[in-house]
Amino acid sequence: MNVLLYGTKKNAETRKLERWLKERRIPFQFRDVADKAPAEGELKNLAAGHSPRDLIDEKSRAYANRGLAHMDFDPIEELLRDPALLAEPILRVDRSSLIRPGPQDLSRALG
């Protein structure tokens, strides 16, 4: 099982999920999107099974500052321009991804 956690160290939900994985001794790789933004192919893989718009955090400051609430836009292009729009955390387990997973989602995917 290949587990990859996307997020930033500043995000409380990302830290909480990281702690959850460590407590259960689940090996994972951490990808800090503030240091290295996901490439276009990675974003499309993360969006597989979801709408690409689900990858965008509509409550973020970056979303409000860019005025995206009042625009039609391509989510992948906007995420390539500004990775701060990415909804955090995203957990990739093999070929599936969980956007802001809850406890039940985690137990189903990793249990």
N, C-alpha and C. Protein backbone atom coordinates (compact mmCIF):
# COMPACT_ATOMS: atom_id res chain seq x y z
N MET A 1 0.86 -1.17 0.00
CA MET A 1 0.00 0.00 0.00
C MET A 1 0.91 1.24 0.00
N ASN A 2 0.65 2.12 -0.94
CA ASN A 2 1.41 3.35 -1.08
C ASN A 2 0.54 4.52 -0.61
N VAL A 3 0.94 5.19 0.47
CA VAL A 3 0.16 6.27 1.06
C VAL A 3 0.94 7.58 0.93
N LEU A 4 0.29 8.59 0.38
CA LEU A 4 0.92 9.89 0.18
C LEU A 4 -0.02 10.96 0.73
N LEU A 5 0.52 11.81 1.60
CA LEU A 5 -0.25 12.87 2.24
C LEU A 5 0.15 14.21 1.65
N TYR A 6 -0.83 14.92 1.08
CA TYR A 6 -0.60 16.26 0.53
C TYR A 6 -1.17 17.29 1.50
N GLY A 7 -0.38 18.32 1.78
CA GLY A 7 -0.83 19.39 2.66
C GLY A 7 0.32 20.32 2.99
N THR A 8 0.11 21.15 3.99
CA THR A 8 1.17 22.04 4.48
C THR A 8 1.34 21.81 5.97
N LYS A 9 2.53 22.11 6.47
CA LYS A 9 2.80 21.93 7.89
C LYS A 9 1.98 22.90 8.75
N LYS A 10 1.56 24.02 8.17
CA LYS A 10 0.80 25.01 8.92
C LYS A 10 -0.65 24.60 9.17
N ASN A 11 -1.18 23.73 8.33
CA ASN A 11 -2.58 23.36 8.39
C ASN A 11 -2.85 22.38 9.53
N ALA A 12 -3.78 22.72 10.41
CA ALA A 12 -4.09 21.90 11.58
C ALA A 12 -4.66 20.53 11.19
N GLU A 13 -5.52 20.49 10.17
CA GLU A 13 -6.11 19.22 9.74
C GLU A 13 -5.05 18.30 9.16
N THR A 14 -4.08 18.86 8.46
CA THR A 14 -2.98 18.06 7.91
C THR A 14 -2.15 17.48 9.03
N ARG A 15 -1.83 18.29 10.03
CA ARG A 15 -1.05 17.81 11.17
C ARG A 15 -1.81 16.72 11.93
N LYS A 16 -3.12 16.88 12.05
CA LYS A 16 -3.94 15.90 12.75
C LYS A 16 -3.95 14.57 11.98
N LEU A 17 -4.06 14.61 10.67
CA LEU A 17 -4.04 13.39 9.87
C LEU A 17 -2.65 12.74 9.90
N GLU A 18 -1.61 13.56 9.88
CA GLU A 18 -0.25 13.04 9.97
C GLU A 18 -0.06 12.31 11.31
N ARG A 19 -0.54 12.89 12.39
CA ARG A 19 -0.45 12.27 13.71
C ARG A 19 -1.25 10.95 13.74
N TRP A 20 -2.44 10.95 13.12
CA TRP A 20 -3.29 9.77 13.07
C TRP A 20 -2.56 8.63 12.38
N LEU A 21 -1.90 8.92 11.26
CA LEU A 21 -1.16 7.90 10.52
C LEU A 21 0.02 7.37 11.33
N LYS A 22 0.73 8.27 12.00
CA LYS A 22 1.88 7.86 12.81
C LYS A 22 1.46 7.00 13.99
N GLU A 23 0.35 7.35 14.63
CA GLU A 23 -0.13 6.58 15.78
C GLU A 23 -0.48 5.15 15.39
N ARG A 24 -0.93 4.95 14.17
CA ARG A 24 -1.31 3.62 13.69
C ARG A 24 -0.18 2.94 12.94
N ARG A 25 0.99 3.59 12.93
CA ARG A 25 2.20 3.07 12.29
C ARG A 25 1.96 2.72 10.83
N ILE A 26 1.22 3.58 10.15
CA ILE A 26 0.99 3.43 8.72
C ILE A 26 2.08 4.20 8.00
N PRO A 27 2.92 3.53 7.22
CA PRO A 27 3.99 4.26 6.51
C PRO A 27 3.39 5.16 5.43
N PHE A 28 3.88 6.39 5.36
CA PHE A 28 3.37 7.34 4.38
C PHE A 28 4.48 8.31 4.00
N GLN A 29 4.27 8.97 2.89
CA GLN A 29 5.15 10.04 2.45
C GLN A 29 4.38 11.34 2.58
N PHE A 30 5.05 12.39 2.99
CA PHE A 30 4.41 13.69 3.14
C PHE A 30 4.88 14.61 2.01
N ARG A 31 3.95 15.30 1.40
CA ARG A 31 4.26 16.23 0.32
C ARG A 31 3.76 17.60 0.74
N ASP A 32 4.68 18.50 1.06
CA ASP A 32 4.33 19.86 1.46
C ASP A 32 4.11 20.68 0.19
N VAL A 33 2.85 21.03 -0.08
CA VAL A 33 2.52 21.74 -1.32
C VAL A 33 2.99 23.19 -1.28
N ALA A 34 3.36 23.69 -0.10
CA ALA A 34 3.91 25.04 -0.03
C ALA A 34 5.33 25.05 -0.58
N ASP A 35 6.07 23.95 -0.41
CA ASP A 35 7.43 23.86 -0.92
C ASP A 35 7.47 23.43 -2.38
N LYS A 36 6.67 22.43 -2.72
CA LYS A 36 6.66 21.92 -4.08
C LYS A 36 5.22 21.65 -4.49
N ALA A 37 4.72 22.48 -5.37
CA ALA A 37 3.33 22.36 -5.82
C ALA A 37 3.15 21.12 -6.70
N PRO A 38 1.99 20.50 -6.64
CA PRO A 38 1.73 19.34 -7.50
C PRO A 38 1.71 19.75 -8.98
N ALA A 39 2.20 18.87 -9.82
CA ALA A 39 2.19 19.10 -11.26
C ALA A 39 0.79 18.82 -11.81
N GLU A 40 0.59 19.17 -13.07
CA GLU A 40 -0.73 19.01 -13.69
C GLU A 40 -1.19 17.55 -13.67
N GLY A 41 -0.31 16.63 -13.99
CA GLY A 41 -0.67 15.21 -13.98
C GLY A 41 -1.04 14.73 -12.58
N GLU A 42 -0.31 15.20 -11.59
CA GLU A 42 -0.62 14.84 -10.20
C GLU A 42 -2.00 15.35 -9.80
N LEU A 43 -2.30 16.59 -10.17
CA LEU A 43 -3.62 17.16 -9.84
C LEU A 43 -4.74 16.36 -10.50
N LYS A 44 -4.53 15.95 -11.75
CA LYS A 44 -5.55 15.16 -12.44
C LYS A 44 -5.72 13.80 -11.77
N ASN A 45 -4.61 13.21 -11.30
CA ASN A 45 -4.70 11.93 -10.59
C ASN A 45 -5.42 12.09 -9.25
N LEU A 46 -5.15 13.20 -8.56
CA LEU A 46 -5.83 13.45 -7.29
C LEU A 46 -7.33 13.66 -7.49
N ALA A 47 -7.69 14.25 -8.63
CA ALA A 47 -9.10 14.53 -8.90
C ALA A 47 -9.85 13.32 -9.43
N ALA A 48 -9.15 12.24 -9.75
CA ALA A 48 -9.80 11.04 -10.27
C ALA A 48 -10.82 10.54 -9.26
N GLY A 49 -12.04 10.34 -9.72
CA GLY A 49 -13.11 9.90 -8.82
C GLY A 49 -13.82 11.05 -8.13
N HIS A 50 -13.35 12.26 -8.33
CA HIS A 50 -13.95 13.47 -7.76
C HIS A 50 -14.11 14.48 -8.88
N SER A 51 -14.78 15.54 -8.58
CA SER A 51 -14.79 16.68 -9.48
C SER A 51 -13.50 17.47 -9.25
N PRO A 52 -12.85 17.95 -10.31
CA PRO A 52 -11.64 18.77 -10.10
C PRO A 52 -11.90 19.97 -9.19
N ARG A 53 -13.13 20.43 -9.17
CA ARG A 53 -13.48 21.57 -8.33
C ARG A 53 -13.40 21.21 -6.84
N ASP A 54 -13.52 19.92 -6.52
CA ASP A 54 -13.41 19.48 -5.12
C ASP A 54 -12.01 19.71 -4.55
N LEU A 55 -11.02 19.83 -5.42
CA LEU A 55 -9.65 20.07 -4.98
C LEU A 55 -9.44 21.49 -4.47
N ILE A 56 -10.38 22.38 -4.78
CA ILE A 56 -10.23 23.79 -4.41
C ILE A 56 -10.93 24.06 -3.08
N ASP A 57 -10.21 24.74 -2.19
CA ASP A 57 -10.75 25.15 -0.89
C ASP A 57 -11.48 26.47 -1.05
N GLU A 58 -12.80 26.41 -1.08
CA GLU A 58 -13.61 27.60 -1.31
C GLU A 58 -13.68 28.51 -0.10
N LYS A 59 -13.16 28.06 1.04
CA LYS A 59 -13.15 28.90 2.24
C LYS A 59 -11.78 29.52 2.50
N SER A 60 -10.84 29.30 1.59
CA SER A 60 -9.49 29.81 1.81
C SER A 60 -9.39 31.30 1.49
N ARG A 61 -8.38 31.90 2.06
CA ARG A 61 -8.11 33.32 1.81
C ARG A 61 -7.71 33.53 0.35
N ALA A 62 -6.96 32.60 -0.21
CA ALA A 62 -6.53 32.72 -1.61
C ALA A 62 -7.73 32.72 -2.54
N TYR A 63 -8.74 31.91 -2.24
CA TYR A 63 -9.95 31.84 -3.05
C TYR A 63 -10.68 33.19 -3.02
N ALA A 64 -10.80 33.78 -1.85
CA ALA A 64 -11.48 35.07 -1.72
C ALA A 64 -10.67 36.19 -2.37
N ASN A 65 -9.35 36.18 -2.19
CA ASN A 65 -8.52 37.23 -2.76
C ASN A 65 -8.53 37.23 -4.29
N ARG A 66 -8.65 36.06 -4.89
CA ARG A 66 -8.66 35.96 -6.34
C ARG A 66 -10.06 36.20 -6.92
N GLY A 67 -11.07 36.26 -6.08
CA GLY A 67 -12.43 36.52 -6.54
C GLY A 67 -13.01 35.37 -7.34
N LEU A 68 -12.62 34.16 -7.03
CA LEU A 68 -13.05 33.01 -7.82
C LEU A 68 -14.52 32.65 -7.60
N ALA A 69 -15.12 33.14 -6.55
CA ALA A 69 -16.52 32.84 -6.30
C ALA A 69 -17.43 33.40 -7.40
N HIS A 70 -16.95 34.41 -8.07
CA HIS A 70 -17.77 35.09 -9.08
C HIS A 70 -17.27 34.83 -10.50
N MET A 71 -16.46 33.79 -10.68
CA MET A 71 -15.86 33.52 -11.98
C MET A 71 -16.08 32.07 -12.39
N ASP A 72 -16.08 31.85 -13.70
CA ASP A 72 -15.98 30.50 -14.24
C ASP A 72 -14.51 30.26 -14.50
N PHE A 73 -13.99 29.14 -14.03
CA PHE A 73 -12.55 28.89 -14.17
C PHE A 73 -12.29 27.40 -14.25
N ASP A 74 -11.11 27.07 -14.76
CA ASP A 74 -10.65 25.69 -14.79
C ASP A 74 -9.90 25.43 -13.49
N PRO A 75 -10.39 24.54 -12.65
CA PRO A 75 -9.76 24.31 -11.34
C PRO A 75 -8.30 23.89 -11.43
N ILE A 76 -7.97 23.05 -12.40
CA ILE A 76 -6.59 22.58 -12.53
C ILE A 76 -5.66 23.75 -12.86
N GLU A 77 -6.07 24.60 -13.79
CA GLU A 77 -5.25 25.76 -14.15
C GLU A 77 -5.05 26.70 -12.97
N GLU A 78 -6.10 26.93 -12.19
CA GLU A 78 -5.99 27.82 -11.04
C GLU A 78 -5.08 27.22 -9.97
N LEU A 79 -5.15 25.91 -9.78
CA LEU A 79 -4.27 25.27 -8.80
C LEU A 79 -2.81 25.29 -9.25
N LEU A 80 -2.59 25.23 -10.55
CA LEU A 80 -1.22 25.34 -11.05
C LEU A 80 -0.67 26.75 -10.81
N ARG A 81 -1.53 27.75 -10.94
CA ARG A 81 -1.10 29.14 -10.71
C ARG A 81 -0.90 29.43 -9.23
N ASP A 82 -1.81 28.90 -8.39
CA ASP A 82 -1.75 29.20 -6.96
C ASP A 82 -2.06 27.95 -6.13
N PRO A 83 -1.02 27.22 -5.68
CA PRO A 83 -1.23 26.00 -4.90
C PRO A 83 -1.90 26.24 -3.55
N ALA A 84 -1.97 27.49 -3.09
CA ALA A 84 -2.63 27.79 -1.82
C ALA A 84 -4.14 27.53 -1.89
N LEU A 85 -4.67 27.34 -3.09
CA LEU A 85 -6.09 27.04 -3.26
C LEU A 85 -6.44 25.58 -2.96
N LEU A 86 -5.43 24.73 -2.83
CA LEU A 86 -5.65 23.31 -2.66
C LEU A 86 -6.33 23.01 -1.33
N ALA A 87 -7.38 22.21 -1.39
CA ALA A 87 -8.07 21.77 -0.18
C ALA A 87 -7.14 20.83 0.57
N GLU A 88 -6.99 21.03 1.86
CA GLU A 88 -6.07 20.22 2.65
C GLU A 88 -6.81 19.51 3.77
N PRO A 89 -6.37 18.37 4.15
CA PRO A 89 -5.37 17.50 3.56
C PRO A 89 -5.99 16.61 2.48
N ILE A 90 -5.13 16.10 1.62
CA ILE A 90 -5.53 15.10 0.63
C ILE A 90 -4.67 13.88 0.87
N LEU A 91 -5.31 12.75 0.98
CA LEU A 91 -4.60 11.49 1.22
C LEU A 91 -4.76 10.63 -0.03
N ARG A 92 -3.65 10.24 -0.59
CA ARG A 92 -3.66 9.36 -1.76
C ARG A 92 -3.26 7.97 -1.31
N VAL A 93 -4.15 7.02 -1.51
CA VAL A 93 -3.90 5.62 -1.15
C VAL A 93 -3.94 4.82 -2.45
N ASP A 94 -2.76 4.34 -2.85
CA ASP A 94 -2.59 3.66 -4.13
C ASP A 94 -3.12 4.54 -5.26
N ARG A 95 -4.22 4.19 -5.87
CA ARG A 95 -4.72 4.99 -7.00
C ARG A 95 -5.96 5.82 -6.66
N SER A 96 -6.41 5.76 -5.43
CA SER A 96 -7.57 6.55 -5.04
C SER A 96 -7.14 7.69 -4.12
N SER A 97 -7.95 8.72 -4.07
CA SER A 97 -7.61 9.86 -3.22
C SER A 97 -8.80 10.22 -2.35
N LEU A 98 -8.49 10.72 -1.16
CA LEU A 98 -9.49 11.17 -0.21
C LEU A 98 -9.23 12.64 0.07
N ILE A 99 -10.21 13.48 -0.19
CA ILE A 99 -10.08 14.91 0.05
C ILE A 99 -10.73 15.21 1.38
N ARG A 100 -9.93 15.75 2.30
CA ARG A 100 -10.37 16.04 3.68
C ARG A 100 -11.08 14.84 4.29
N PRO A 101 -10.36 13.72 4.42
CA PRO A 101 -11.01 12.49 4.89
C PRO A 101 -11.41 12.56 6.36
N GLY A 102 -12.52 11.93 6.65
CA GLY A 102 -12.99 11.79 8.02
C GLY A 102 -12.56 10.44 8.56
N PRO A 103 -12.82 10.17 9.83
CA PRO A 103 -12.42 8.90 10.44
C PRO A 103 -12.98 7.67 9.72
N GLN A 104 -14.24 7.74 9.28
CA GLN A 104 -14.84 6.60 8.58
C GLN A 104 -14.18 6.37 7.24
N ASP A 105 -13.86 7.47 6.52
CA ASP A 105 -13.18 7.35 5.23
C ASP A 105 -11.81 6.69 5.41
N LEU A 106 -11.11 7.11 6.46
CA LEU A 106 -9.77 6.56 6.71
C LEU A 106 -9.82 5.08 7.05
N SER A 107 -10.77 4.69 7.89
CA SER A 107 -10.84 3.29 8.27
C SER A 107 -11.22 2.42 7.08
N ARG A 108 -12.07 2.94 6.17
CA ARG A 108 -12.43 2.20 4.97
C ARG A 108 -11.24 2.06 4.03
N ALA A 109 -10.50 3.14 3.84
CA ALA A 109 -9.39 3.12 2.88
C ALA A 109 -8.16 2.40 3.40
N LEU A 110 -7.90 2.52 4.70
CA LEU A 110 -6.67 1.96 5.26
C LEU A 110 -6.89 0.74 6.14
N GLY A 111 -8.14 0.44 6.42
CA GLY A 111 -8.44 -0.65 7.35
C GLY A 111 -8.41 -1.96 6.71
